[in-house]
Amino acid sequence: MEEAFKWWITEIYPALPPNRKTGHLKNAWRDYTYNLGISEKRMKQILSEFGTVDVKTIVTFIPE
């Protein structure tokens, strides 16, 4: 999730018109950029505004 959000921060956010860079998008950019903390839930919510988000978790355990 963090890798996808980092891509959004560097590729999508800068291309947004100034009137979209307000409110929760600006706060998310600031919180991520300055390491103030942003939850995966909030990252997913913002990414879903710009496309489909499909999160998969794969756990593999091989006993010895």
Protein backbone atom coordinates (compact mmCIF):
# COMPACT_ATOMS: atom_id res chain seq x y z
CA MET A 1 0.00 0.00 0.00
CA GLU A 2 2.77 2.38 0.93
CA GLU A 3 4.56 1.85 -2.39
CA ALA A 4 1.38 2.60 -4.34
CA PHE A 5 0.74 5.71 -2.25
CA LYS A 6 4.32 6.91 -2.75
CA TRP A 7 3.79 6.56 -6.51
CA TRP A 8 0.55 8.58 -6.22
CA ILE A 9 2.38 11.28 -4.22
CA THR A 10 5.13 11.63 -6.85
CA GLU A 11 3.16 11.08 -10.07
CA ILE A 12 -0.51 11.98 -9.61
CA TYR A 13 -0.59 14.61 -6.87
CA PRO A 14 1.78 17.08 -8.61
CA ALA A 15 -0.35 16.95 -11.78
CA LEU A 16 -3.58 17.81 -9.98
CA PRO A 17 -5.03 21.27 -10.51
CA PRO A 18 -4.55 23.64 -7.55
CA ASN A 19 -8.23 23.49 -6.59
CA ARG A 20 -7.87 19.71 -5.97
CA LYS A 21 -4.76 20.12 -3.80
CA THR A 22 -6.79 21.14 -0.77
CA GLY A 23 -8.34 19.51 2.25
CA HIS A 24 -7.73 15.83 2.82
CA LEU A 25 -5.46 15.41 -0.23
CA LYS A 26 -3.13 18.19 0.91
CA ASN A 27 -3.18 16.86 4.47
CA ALA A 28 -2.32 13.35 3.26
CA TRP A 29 0.52 14.69 1.10
CA ARG A 30 1.90 16.65 4.06
CA ASP A 31 1.51 13.77 6.52
CA TYR A 32 3.28 11.33 4.19
CA THR A 33 5.98 13.72 2.96
CA TYR A 34 6.96 14.92 6.43
CA ASN A 35 6.59 11.48 8.11
CA LEU A 36 3.77 12.68 10.35
CA GLY A 37 1.97 9.37 9.98
CA ILE A 38 -0.76 8.19 7.64
CA SER A 39 -2.74 4.99 8.03
CA GLU A 40 -3.13 2.35 5.34
CA LYS A 41 -6.88 2.91 5.57
CA ARG A 42 -6.47 6.59 4.65
CA MET A 43 -3.99 5.74 1.87
CA LYS A 44 -6.47 3.25 0.42
CA GLN A 45 -9.34 5.74 0.65
CA ILE A 46 -7.37 8.37 -1.27
CA LEU A 47 -6.09 5.93 -3.90
CA SER A 48 -9.64 4.68 -4.46
CA GLU A 49 -10.66 8.21 -5.46
CA PHE A 50 -8.34 7.90 -8.46
CA GLY A 51 -8.76 4.25 -9.42
CA THR A 52 -9.42 0.71 -8.28
CA VAL A 53 -7.47 -0.58 -5.30
CA ASP A 54 -6.97 -4.33 -4.95
CA VAL A 55 -4.95 -5.35 -1.89
CA LYS A 56 -3.72 -8.92 -1.58
CA THR A 57 -1.79 -10.38 1.33
CA ILE A 58 0.08 -13.62 0.78
CA VAL A 59 1.57 -15.54 3.67
CA THR A 60 3.66 -18.63 3.04
CA PHE A 61 4.76 -20.85 5.90
CA ILE A 62 6.98 -23.88 5.37
CA PRO A 63 7.69 -25.79 8.58
CA GLU A 64 11.15 -27.24 9.07
